[in-house]
Amino acid sequence: MDIPLSSRQLNAGMLRIDVPHVTPDSTNLRVMALFTEHKSLIGLPVLENNRPVGMINRHIFLSQMSRPFFHELYDQKSCIAFMDKTPLIVEASAGLEFLAGQVVETGDKAVTEGFILTEDGQYIGIGLGIDLIKTVSDLQAKQHFQIMQSIEYARVIQESMLSRSRQSIEETLNDWCLFWQPRDCVGGDIYAFRRDEQGWLAVIADCTGHGVPGAFMTFIFASALEKAQTLAAPHEPERLLAIINRYIKQTLSQLHPSADLSQSNDGCDAIALYVDNQNAQMIWANAQMHAFVLGAQAEEVSVLEADRKGLGYSDTPSDHQWRRYQRPLVKGDQVLIVTDGLTDQIGGERGIMLGKKRIQSVLLQERHLPMQDLSRALGSALQTWQGQELSRDDITWFGFRW
């Protein structure tokens, strides 16, 4: 019989992994070489006399160095030009409970980039947020009380991970709505939002399962998206989905020749949508997600095109390519993306699913309302339809008026 580890053994050092590092004397050319050599490296520690002084984020660094003339200007300069001077630094002897609290305070940065581990202030390696969640869940599954604690940690970390995207939406869009409601304490739906000089990218995903398994998949998805954004531009949503698909399959060991695919058929449905404000168009790739558009002068709601392959599932090839769609935008156009927790919710007199047509009807009837009010109208319609029925799944929707 397995014996749970004592509380003294549950420390941050359990999560240590060895990665390359640089010093303040290292040039940005050296950083570029390390990121090129180590494709999975998300955060690069910066050490001075073997003490951590910062962390270089892969996505931020590559995004900056891809700008015109940045190579000429910064290749030979110190890497501290792009260094985060306040990474999360934790002693290896710190308990997992303390570490989880520090990750929550730091926000999603520690989940996606990782954190630095030290012994008496001396660098020994880094840890990853996704490994923290998995370790806490696995170890504490021995006892019910500890399971509830791990779920609470996962909930706070998951909400923290989403908060930066929500804040970016608030700062970028004028007329929008966002609803995120896990069926349980944590859930398998995730959203991400990032803007650039030309427009903005929104990604909505519905991962396999709900509760802790679903939440675990969202952390895998978030890590995959972070990697994809270092390899593909925001206006290449079809490439983003392809990279995420392969990353998920690799993480779940589906690419190994001897993998038992019947034991690992997890994945997600997702849409990556880029709005090009300068050229008044939207570009998207869609893996089985429900998305609707109501033109400013249209008389009916249309459905955005989607491919029938999800991301990461055993029957999705690792090299599958999603189609790239685009359409012009006219002032007043409305777009609404929903996960199937909404469309599949049972209710009504006959106990059937809500379906897409009822959602389209609400969107058409309430088209004159601001998106926040339209969202409340949709929520009210859902409550009326659901009645006393239990929620079947996590529910998310995101909408905007251009």
Protein backbone atom coordinates (compact mmCIF):
# COMPACT_ATOMS: atom_id res chain seq x y z
CA MET A 1 0.00 0.00 0.00
CA ASP A 2 1.27 3.48 -0.85
CA ILE A 3 2.16 5.57 2.18
CA PRO A 4 1.59 9.33 1.83
CA LEU A 5 4.69 11.44 2.11
CA SER A 6 5.05 13.32 5.38
CA SER A 7 4.32 17.02 5.33
CA ARG A 8 8.04 17.71 5.81
CA GLN A 9 8.85 16.03 2.52
CA LEU A 10 6.31 18.12 0.56
CA ASN A 11 8.56 21.01 -0.36
CA ALA A 12 9.33 23.16 -3.36
CA GLY A 13 12.55 21.26 -4.05
CA MET A 14 10.47 18.32 -5.29
CA LEU A 15 9.70 20.35 -8.41
CA ARG A 16 13.29 21.26 -9.32
CA ILE A 17 14.38 20.91 -12.94
CA ASP A 18 17.72 21.86 -14.48
CA VAL A 19 17.68 24.49 -17.23
CA PRO A 20 20.37 26.69 -18.80
CA HIS A 21 21.03 30.10 -17.28
CA VAL A 22 22.82 33.33 -18.16
CA THR A 23 24.55 36.15 -16.28
CA PRO A 24 24.22 39.94 -16.63
CA ASP A 25 27.39 39.78 -18.78
CA SER A 26 25.62 37.53 -21.30
CA THR A 27 24.49 39.21 -24.50
CA ASN A 28 21.06 39.02 -26.03
CA LEU A 29 22.67 37.04 -28.85
CA ARG A 30 23.53 34.37 -26.26
CA VAL A 31 19.94 34.41 -24.98
CA MET A 32 18.64 33.98 -28.54
CA ALA A 33 20.97 31.01 -29.04
CA LEU A 34 19.72 29.31 -25.86
CA PHE A 35 16.05 29.81 -26.72
CA THR A 36 16.75 28.47 -30.23
CA GLU A 37 18.55 25.41 -28.87
CA HIS A 38 16.04 24.66 -26.10
CA LYS A 39 12.61 24.84 -27.77
CA SER A 40 10.64 24.06 -24.61
CA LEU A 41 12.43 26.66 -22.45
CA ILE A 42 9.87 29.29 -21.37
CA GLY A 43 11.89 31.17 -18.73
CA LEU A 44 15.66 31.72 -18.65
CA PRO A 45 17.14 32.50 -15.18
CA VAL A 46 19.72 35.30 -14.87
CA LEU A 47 22.35 34.70 -12.16
CA GLU A 48 24.99 36.92 -10.61
CA ASN A 49 27.53 35.09 -8.43
CA ASN A 50 25.10 32.13 -8.58
CA ARG A 51 22.33 34.21 -7.04
CA PRO A 52 19.18 34.82 -9.10
CA VAL A 53 18.57 38.41 -10.14
CA GLY A 54 15.89 37.96 -12.78
CA MET A 55 14.14 35.83 -15.40
CA ILE A 56 13.85 36.34 -19.17
CA ASN A 57 10.46 35.39 -20.61
CA ARG A 58 10.76 33.59 -23.94
CA HIS A 59 7.65 35.13 -25.51
CA ILE A 60 8.47 38.70 -24.48
CA PHE A 61 12.11 38.37 -25.54
CA LEU A 62 11.38 36.89 -28.97
CA SER A 63 8.57 39.38 -29.58
CA GLN A 64 10.91 42.31 -28.83
CA MET A 65 13.81 40.94 -30.86
CA SER A 66 11.54 40.39 -33.88
CA ARG A 67 10.87 44.12 -34.13
CA PRO A 68 12.70 46.10 -36.82
CA PHE A 69 16.37 46.89 -36.05
CA PHE A 70 16.24 45.30 -32.57
CA HIS A 71 18.87 42.72 -33.51
CA GLU A 72 21.24 45.46 -34.65
CA LEU A 73 20.55 47.49 -31.51
CA TYR A 74 20.49 44.80 -28.84
CA ASP A 75 22.38 41.67 -30.02
CA GLN A 76 25.59 42.63 -28.22
CA LYS A 77 23.98 44.38 -25.25
CA SER A 78 23.42 42.83 -21.83
CA CYS A 79 20.48 40.47 -21.52
CA ILE A 80 19.14 42.45 -18.56
CA ALA A 81 17.50 44.79 -21.09
CA PHE A 82 14.64 42.27 -21.40
CA MET A 83 14.84 40.74 -17.92
CA ASP A 84 12.00 40.54 -15.44
CA LYS A 85 13.65 41.86 -12.27
CA THR A 86 10.98 40.48 -9.94
CA PRO A 87 10.56 36.76 -10.66
CA LEU A 88 9.20 34.46 -7.98
CA ILE A 89 12.18 33.11 -5.99
CA VAL A 90 11.52 30.39 -3.41
CA GLU A 91 13.79 28.36 -1.12
CA ALA A 92 13.72 24.66 -2.00
CA SER A 93 12.86 23.84 1.61
CA ALA A 94 9.63 25.88 1.48
CA GLY A 95 6.45 23.84 1.86
CA LEU A 96 4.10 23.33 -1.07
CA GLU A 97 1.35 25.21 0.74
CA PHE A 98 3.62 28.25 1.07
CA LEU A 99 4.71 27.90 -2.56
CA ALA A 100 1.11 27.73 -3.77
CA GLY A 101 0.33 30.92 -1.86
CA GLN A 102 3.31 32.67 -3.43
CA VAL A 103 2.24 31.55 -6.92
CA VAL A 104 -1.25 32.95 -6.30
CA GLU A 105 0.18 36.30 -5.19
CA THR A 106 2.50 36.46 -8.20
CA GLY A 107 -0.30 35.67 -10.66
CA ASP A 108 -0.22 33.71 -13.89
CA LYS A 109 3.39 34.78 -14.57
CA ALA A 110 4.66 32.07 -12.19
CA VAL A 111 2.34 29.51 -13.80
CA THR A 112 3.48 30.14 -17.37
CA GLU A 113 7.15 31.14 -16.82
CA GLY A 114 7.98 29.11 -13.72
CA PHE A 115 9.76 30.12 -10.53
CA ILE A 116 13.39 30.07 -9.35
CA LEU A 117 14.51 27.66 -6.61
CA THR A 118 17.39 28.38 -4.24
CA GLU A 119 19.24 26.84 -1.27
CA ASP A 120 20.51 29.47 1.16
CA GLY A 121 20.05 32.02 -1.60
CA GLN A 122 22.13 30.05 -4.11
CA TYR A 123 20.45 29.04 -7.39
CA ILE A 124 19.74 25.32 -7.84
CA GLY A 125 17.14 25.24 -10.66
CA ILE A 126 13.58 26.25 -11.53
CA GLY A 127 10.11 24.85 -10.98
CA LEU A 128 7.03 24.99 -13.20
CA GLY A 129 3.55 26.04 -12.13
CA ILE A 130 1.94 23.17 -14.00
CA ASP A 131 4.14 20.70 -12.07
CA LEU A 132 3.04 22.35 -8.82
CA ILE A 133 -0.64 21.80 -9.65
CA LYS A 134 -0.07 18.18 -10.70
CA THR A 135 2.10 17.37 -7.67
CA VAL A 136 -0.33 18.91 -5.19
CA SER A 137 -3.25 17.06 -6.80
CA ASP A 138 -1.42 13.72 -6.94
CA LEU A 139 0.02 13.80 -3.43
CA GLN A 140 -3.03 15.17 -1.69
CA ALA A 141 -5.40 12.74 -3.39
CA LYS A 142 -4.52 10.37 -0.51
CA GLN A 143 -6.88 12.12 1.87
CA HIS A 144 -10.21 13.85 1.33
CA PHE A 145 -9.33 16.99 3.25
CA GLN A 146 -6.12 17.38 1.30
CA ILE A 147 -8.02 16.89 -1.96
CA MET A 148 -10.26 19.81 -1.06
CA GLN A 149 -7.21 21.91 -0.30
CA SER A 150 -5.63 21.09 -3.66
CA ILE A 151 -8.87 21.97 -5.46
CA GLU A 152 -8.94 25.30 -3.66
CA TYR A 153 -5.32 25.96 -4.67
CA ALA A 154 -6.19 25.03 -8.25
CA ARG A 155 -9.24 27.34 -8.22
CA VAL A 156 -7.32 30.38 -7.02
CA ILE A 157 -4.42 29.74 -9.39
CA GLN A 158 -6.78 29.16 -12.31
CA GLU A 159 -8.66 32.39 -11.66
CA SER A 160 -5.37 34.23 -11.24
CA MET A 161 -4.20 32.82 -14.58
CA LEU A 162 -7.32 34.20 -16.30
CA SER A 163 -7.31 37.59 -14.59
CA ARG A 164 -4.60 39.15 -16.77
CA SER A 165 -6.53 38.34 -19.94
CA ARG A 166 -9.73 39.80 -18.51
CA GLN A 167 -7.89 42.98 -17.52
CA SER A 168 -6.46 43.24 -21.05
CA ILE A 169 -9.97 42.91 -22.50
CA GLU A 170 -11.20 45.71 -20.26
CA GLU A 171 -8.34 47.94 -21.38
CA THR A 172 -8.75 47.16 -25.09
CA LEU A 173 -12.45 46.78 -25.96
CA ASN A 174 -15.31 49.23 -25.51
CA ASP A 175 -18.35 46.99 -26.01
CA TRP A 176 -17.80 43.40 -24.91
CA CYS A 177 -18.99 40.66 -22.59
CA LEU A 178 -17.35 37.69 -20.89
CA PHE A 179 -18.99 34.95 -18.82
CA TRP A 180 -16.95 32.14 -17.23
CA GLN A 181 -18.63 29.67 -14.88
CA PRO A 182 -17.08 26.28 -14.03
CA ARG A 183 -19.53 23.54 -13.17
CA ASP A 184 -17.47 22.69 -10.09
CA CYS A 185 -14.94 24.67 -8.07
CA VAL A 186 -12.52 24.59 -11.00
CA GLY A 187 -13.22 23.88 -14.64
CA GLY A 188 -12.02 22.93 -18.09
CA ASP A 189 -12.87 26.15 -19.94
CA ILE A 190 -10.14 28.72 -20.52
CA TYR A 191 -9.82 32.03 -22.33
CA ALA A 192 -6.83 34.16 -23.28
CA PHE A 193 -6.57 37.65 -24.74
CA ARG A 194 -3.58 39.58 -26.02
CA ARG A 195 -3.34 42.79 -28.02
CA ASP A 196 -0.66 44.05 -30.37
CA GLU A 197 -0.05 47.18 -32.42
CA GLN A 198 -2.46 46.16 -35.18
CA GLY A 199 -5.28 44.48 -33.30
CA TRP A 200 -5.93 41.74 -30.76
CA LEU A 201 -6.14 37.98 -30.38
CA ALA A 202 -8.77 36.09 -28.39
CA VAL A 203 -8.54 32.34 -27.72
CA ILE A 204 -11.40 30.38 -26.15
CA ALA A 205 -11.01 26.67 -25.35
CA ASP A 206 -13.17 23.92 -23.85
CA CYS A 207 -10.90 21.17 -22.48
CA THR A 208 -11.87 17.59 -21.77
CA GLY A 209 -13.72 17.09 -18.50
CA HIS A 210 -14.53 19.46 -15.67
CA GLY A 211 -13.41 19.79 -12.06
CA VAL A 212 -9.73 19.03 -11.31
CA PRO A 213 -9.10 16.92 -14.49
CA GLY A 214 -10.54 19.72 -16.61
CA ALA A 215 -8.51 22.34 -14.76
CA PHE A 216 -5.35 20.30 -15.24
CA MET A 217 -6.01 20.28 -19.00
CA THR A 218 -6.41 24.08 -18.97
CA PHE A 219 -2.91 24.41 -17.49
CA ILE A 220 -1.56 22.19 -20.27
CA PHE A 221 -3.44 24.33 -22.80
CA ALA A 222 -2.12 27.57 -21.29
CA SER A 223 1.44 26.26 -21.48
CA ALA A 224 0.86 25.14 -25.09
CA LEU A 225 -0.56 28.54 -26.03
CA GLU A 226 2.40 30.31 -24.43
CA LYS A 227 4.77 28.22 -26.54
CA ALA A 228 2.67 28.67 -29.71
CA GLN A 229 2.78 32.45 -29.37
CA THR A 230 6.58 32.35 -29.52
CA LEU A 231 6.44 30.43 -32.81
CA ALA A 232 3.46 31.99 -34.62
CA ALA A 233 2.17 35.54 -35.02
CA PRO A 234 -1.24 36.54 -33.58
CA HIS A 235 -2.62 36.94 -37.12
CA GLU A 236 -1.79 33.28 -37.86
CA PRO A 237 -4.50 31.52 -35.81
CA GLU A 238 -4.30 28.38 -37.93
CA ARG A 239 -0.60 27.98 -36.99
CA LEU A 240 -1.38 28.63 -33.33
CA LEU A 241 -3.90 25.77 -33.25
CA ALA A 242 -1.52 23.40 -35.06
CA ILE A 243 1.29 24.07 -32.55
CA ILE A 244 -1.06 23.71 -29.57
CA ASN A 245 -2.36 20.42 -30.96
CA ARG A 246 1.12 18.91 -31.23
CA TYR A 247 2.15 20.24 -27.80
CA ILE A 248 -0.88 18.65 -26.11
CA LYS A 249 -0.30 15.33 -27.83
CA GLN A 250 3.37 15.45 -26.83
CA THR A 251 2.52 16.33 -23.21
CA LEU A 252 0.03 13.44 -23.02
CA SER A 253 2.59 11.05 -24.57
CA GLN A 254 0.39 10.42 -27.61
CA LEU A 255 3.31 10.83 -30.03
CA HIS A 256 5.30 7.91 -28.63
CA PRO A 257 5.15 4.86 -30.97
CA SER A 258 4.06 2.58 -28.12
CA ALA A 259 1.45 4.97 -26.68
CA ASP A 260 -1.89 3.41 -25.73
CA LEU A 261 -4.20 6.02 -27.27
CA SER A 262 -7.25 4.41 -25.68
CA GLN A 263 -5.89 5.52 -22.29
CA SER A 264 -5.22 9.13 -23.29
CA ASN A 265 -7.94 10.64 -25.46
CA ASP A 266 -7.91 14.07 -23.87
CA GLY A 267 -7.88 17.36 -25.72
CA CYS A 268 -9.99 20.43 -26.31
CA ASP A 269 -12.17 22.35 -28.71
CA ALA A 270 -10.86 25.85 -29.35
CA ILE A 271 -11.07 28.93 -31.49
CA ALA A 272 -8.31 31.48 -32.11
CA LEU A 273 -9.69 34.75 -33.47
CA TYR A 274 -7.60 37.74 -34.48
CA VAL A 275 -9.24 41.13 -35.07
CA ASP A 276 -7.20 43.34 -37.40
CA ASN A 277 -8.34 46.84 -36.50
CA GLN A 278 -6.19 48.53 -39.13
CA ASN A 279 -7.63 46.52 -42.03
CA ALA A 280 -11.14 46.06 -40.55
CA GLN A 281 -11.24 42.29 -40.71
CA MET A 282 -11.21 39.26 -38.46
CA ILE A 283 -9.17 36.12 -39.07
CA TRP A 284 -9.84 32.86 -37.28
CA ALA A 285 -9.20 29.13 -37.08
CA ASN A 286 -11.83 27.05 -35.35
CA ALA A 287 -11.61 23.58 -33.87
CA GLN A 288 -15.24 22.60 -33.23
CA MET A 289 -16.26 25.70 -31.26
CA HIS A 290 -19.64 27.44 -31.57
CA ALA A 291 -19.28 31.03 -32.79
CA PHE A 292 -21.92 33.40 -34.17
CA VAL A 293 -21.81 36.70 -36.02
CA LEU A 294 -24.60 39.24 -36.47
CA GLY A 295 -23.80 41.86 -39.09
CA ALA A 296 -24.77 45.45 -38.40
CA GLN A 297 -27.38 45.33 -41.15
CA ALA A 298 -28.06 41.57 -41.22
CA GLU A 299 -31.51 40.10 -40.62
CA GLU A 300 -30.27 36.81 -39.23
CA VAL A 301 -27.39 35.39 -37.21
CA SER A 302 -24.80 33.35 -39.10
CA VAL A 303 -22.37 30.74 -37.79
CA LEU A 304 -18.61 31.14 -38.11
CA GLU A 305 -17.02 28.28 -40.02
CA ALA A 306 -15.26 25.56 -38.04
CA ASP A 307 -13.19 22.42 -38.67
CA ARG A 308 -14.38 19.12 -37.22
CA LYS A 309 -11.11 18.17 -35.57
CA GLY A 310 -10.37 19.10 -31.96
CA LEU A 311 -6.93 19.70 -30.49
CA GLY A 312 -4.91 16.89 -28.92
CA TYR A 313 -7.42 14.06 -29.32
CA SER A 314 -6.10 10.65 -30.31
CA ASP A 315 -7.91 10.76 -33.68
CA THR A 316 -6.44 14.18 -34.56
CA PRO A 317 -3.16 13.77 -36.49
CA SER A 318 -0.17 15.52 -34.93
CA ASP A 319 0.40 17.38 -38.21
CA HIS A 320 -3.24 18.35 -38.80
CA GLN A 321 -3.67 21.81 -40.34
CA TRP A 322 -6.72 23.90 -39.48
CA ARG A 323 -8.24 26.14 -42.13
CA ARG A 324 -7.74 29.88 -42.03
CA TYR A 325 -10.94 31.92 -42.36
CA GLN A 326 -11.42 35.65 -42.61
CA ARG A 327 -14.17 38.19 -43.21
CA PRO A 328 -14.43 41.98 -43.26
CA LEU A 329 -15.80 43.85 -40.27
CA VAL A 330 -18.32 46.68 -40.39
CA LYS A 331 -18.95 49.03 -37.50
CA GLY A 332 -21.71 47.51 -35.38
CA ASP A 333 -20.97 43.85 -36.22
CA GLN A 334 -21.44 41.55 -33.20
CA VAL A 335 -19.60 38.30 -32.53
CA LEU A 336 -20.43 35.74 -29.82
CA ILE A 337 -18.37 32.63 -28.99
CA VAL A 338 -19.78 29.98 -26.63
CA THR A 339 -18.60 26.64 -25.24
CA ASP A 340 -20.86 23.60 -25.48
CA GLY A 341 -21.67 23.80 -21.78
CA LEU A 342 -24.22 26.40 -22.91
CA THR A 343 -25.57 24.71 -26.03
CA ASP A 344 -25.79 21.27 -24.36
CA GLN A 345 -27.50 22.39 -21.15
CA ILE A 346 -30.64 20.32 -20.53
CA GLY A 347 -33.88 22.10 -19.72
CA GLY A 348 -37.26 23.26 -20.99
CA GLU A 349 -40.52 21.34 -20.77
CA ARG A 350 -39.16 18.36 -22.70
CA GLY A 351 -35.77 18.15 -21.00
CA ILE A 352 -33.76 18.74 -24.15
CA MET A 353 -30.60 20.70 -24.93
CA LEU A 354 -30.69 24.48 -25.27
CA GLY A 355 -29.10 24.31 -28.71
CA LYS A 356 -27.67 26.93 -31.03
CA LYS A 357 -30.93 28.30 -32.43
CA ARG A 358 -32.14 29.61 -29.06
CA ILE A 359 -28.81 31.38 -28.56
CA GLN A 360 -29.08 32.91 -32.03
CA SER A 361 -32.60 34.05 -31.18
CA VAL A 362 -31.43 35.88 -28.04
CA LEU A 363 -28.59 37.51 -29.99
CA LEU A 364 -31.01 38.70 -32.68
CA GLN A 365 -33.74 39.88 -30.31
CA GLU A 366 -31.36 41.78 -28.02
CA ARG A 367 -29.02 43.11 -30.71
CA HIS A 368 -29.72 46.73 -29.74
CA LEU A 369 -28.39 46.22 -26.19
CA PRO A 370 -24.79 46.85 -25.09
CA MET A 371 -22.91 43.57 -24.98
CA GLN A 372 -22.88 43.47 -21.17
CA ASP A 373 -26.69 43.72 -21.14
CA LEU A 374 -26.97 41.16 -23.92
CA SER A 375 -24.84 38.84 -21.78
CA ARG A 376 -27.23 39.29 -18.86
CA ALA A 377 -30.16 38.55 -21.17
CA LEU A 378 -28.44 35.36 -22.32
CA GLY A 379 -27.78 34.38 -18.70
CA SER A 380 -31.43 34.97 -17.83
CA ALA A 381 -32.53 32.85 -20.79
CA LEU A 382 -30.20 30.08 -19.61
CA GLN A 383 -31.58 30.15 -16.05
CA THR A 384 -35.16 30.04 -17.31
CA TRP A 385 -34.36 27.15 -19.64
CA GLN A 386 -32.36 25.19 -17.05
CA GLY A 387 -34.94 25.47 -14.28
CA GLN A 388 -34.17 22.84 -11.63
CA GLU A 389 -31.84 20.84 -13.85
CA LEU A 390 -28.23 20.50 -12.72
CA SER A 391 -25.48 22.15 -14.72
CA ARG A 392 -23.95 19.60 -17.07
CA ASP A 393 -20.66 21.30 -17.87
CA ASP A 394 -18.54 24.42 -17.54
CA ILE A 395 -19.99 27.42 -19.40
CA THR A 396 -18.10 30.25 -21.09
CA TRP A 397 -19.06 32.89 -23.61
CA PHE A 398 -17.22 35.88 -25.02
CA GLY A 399 -18.71 38.55 -27.23
CA PHE A 400 -17.83 41.92 -28.71
CA ARG A 401 -19.25 44.61 -30.95
CA TRP A 402 -16.82 46.07 -33.45
